[in-house]
Amino acid sequence: MTVRELLQRIDSRELAEWMAFYGIEPFGGCRGDLQAGVIASTIANVNKGKRGKAFTPGDFMPLMKKPKQSEDEMINIMNAMARGK
């Protein structure tokens, strides 16, 4: 749908809630890339031999940004979502 259609269906508060949720639990293309990375790393690890370094899903996601959040930051985000802010 277009942005105009979206804004006719939900208000800015609900949109902000979805944006916060996406920040914690992404969906869409980014999530698909992670799922593909999990599968690719599993296959690579099964076939790498015993001496090789284990692969991670990130090894197969070259455009992945690795966010740096402390445990306290994660807790604060979850608490804000639970309060509806």
Protein backbone atom coordinates (compact mmCIF):
# COMPACT_ATOMS: atom_id res chain seq x y z
CA MET A 1 0.00 0.00 0.00
CA THR A 2 1.06 3.59 -0.39
CA VAL A 3 2.10 5.82 2.52
CA ARG A 4 -1.15 7.75 2.16
CA GLU A 5 -3.20 4.54 2.43
CA LEU A 6 -1.16 3.45 5.43
CA LEU A 7 -1.75 6.74 7.25
CA GLN A 8 -5.49 6.51 6.56
CA ARG A 9 -5.57 3.11 8.28
CA ILE A 10 -3.36 3.73 11.34
CA ASP A 11 -2.37 6.75 13.41
CA SER A 12 1.16 7.97 14.09
CA ARG A 13 1.29 6.25 17.48
CA GLU A 14 0.60 2.84 15.99
CA LEU A 15 3.13 3.49 13.24
CA ALA A 16 5.73 4.39 15.89
CA GLU A 17 4.95 1.16 17.75
CA TRP A 18 5.50 -0.87 14.58
CA MET A 19 8.77 0.98 13.96
CA ALA A 20 9.94 0.18 17.51
CA PHE A 21 8.92 -3.46 17.09
CA TYR A 22 10.83 -3.66 13.80
CA GLY A 23 13.91 -2.26 15.57
CA ILE A 24 13.82 -5.20 17.98
CA GLU A 25 12.39 -7.96 15.78
CA PRO A 26 12.96 -7.16 12.10
CA PHE A 27 10.75 -8.66 9.44
CA GLY A 28 10.87 -8.69 5.66
CA GLY A 29 14.06 -8.81 3.60
CA CYS A 30 16.46 -8.47 6.52
CA ARG A 31 14.86 -11.37 8.32
CA GLY A 32 14.98 -13.46 5.15
CA ASP A 33 18.70 -12.73 4.83
CA LEU A 34 19.25 -13.95 8.39
CA GLN A 35 17.27 -17.12 7.74
CA ALA A 36 19.31 -17.79 4.60
CA GLY A 37 22.51 -17.10 6.56
CA VAL A 38 21.50 -19.66 9.19
CA ILE A 39 20.93 -22.30 6.53
CA ALA A 40 24.14 -21.45 4.65
CA SER A 41 26.26 -21.50 7.81
CA THR A 42 24.75 -24.83 8.87
CA ILE A 43 25.59 -26.41 5.52
CA ALA A 44 29.09 -24.88 5.52
CA ASN A 45 29.77 -26.08 9.08
CA VAL A 46 28.69 -29.62 8.28
CA ASN A 47 31.11 -29.69 5.35
CA LYS A 48 34.08 -27.71 6.73
CA GLY A 49 35.99 -30.48 8.45
CA LYS A 50 37.02 -30.69 12.09
CA ARG A 51 39.93 -28.24 12.01
CA GLY A 52 38.22 -25.33 10.31
CA LYS A 53 36.74 -22.34 12.08
CA ALA A 54 32.96 -22.48 12.49
CA PHE A 55 30.94 -20.21 10.24
CA THR A 56 28.23 -17.88 11.55
CA PRO A 57 25.13 -16.65 9.72
CA GLY A 58 26.80 -13.23 9.53
CA ASP A 59 29.58 -14.72 7.41
CA PHE A 60 26.98 -15.13 4.66
CA MET A 61 25.39 -11.69 5.11
CA PRO A 62 27.97 -9.18 3.82
CA LEU A 63 25.65 -6.18 4.13
CA MET A 64 24.56 -6.94 7.67
CA LYS A 65 25.13 -4.16 10.18
CA LYS A 66 25.98 -5.42 13.62
CA PRO A 67 24.24 -3.20 16.18
CA LYS A 68 26.00 -2.69 19.47
CA GLN A 69 23.54 -2.59 22.33
CA SER A 70 24.22 -3.16 25.96
CA GLU A 71 21.98 -5.41 28.00
CA ASP A 72 20.59 -2.32 29.76
CA GLU A 73 19.70 -0.71 26.41
CA MET A 74 17.84 -3.84 25.35
CA ILE A 75 15.93 -3.96 28.65
CA ASN A 76 15.00 -0.27 28.33
CA ILE A 77 13.64 -0.82 24.82
CA MET A 78 11.58 -3.81 25.94
CA ASN A 79 10.22 -1.86 28.93
CA ALA A 80 9.27 1.07 26.68
CA MET A 81 7.42 -1.29 24.34
CA ALA A 82 5.60 -2.89 27.27
CA ARG A 83 4.49 0.56 28.48
CA GLY A 84 3.29 1.46 24.97
CA LYS A 85 5.69 4.37 24.56
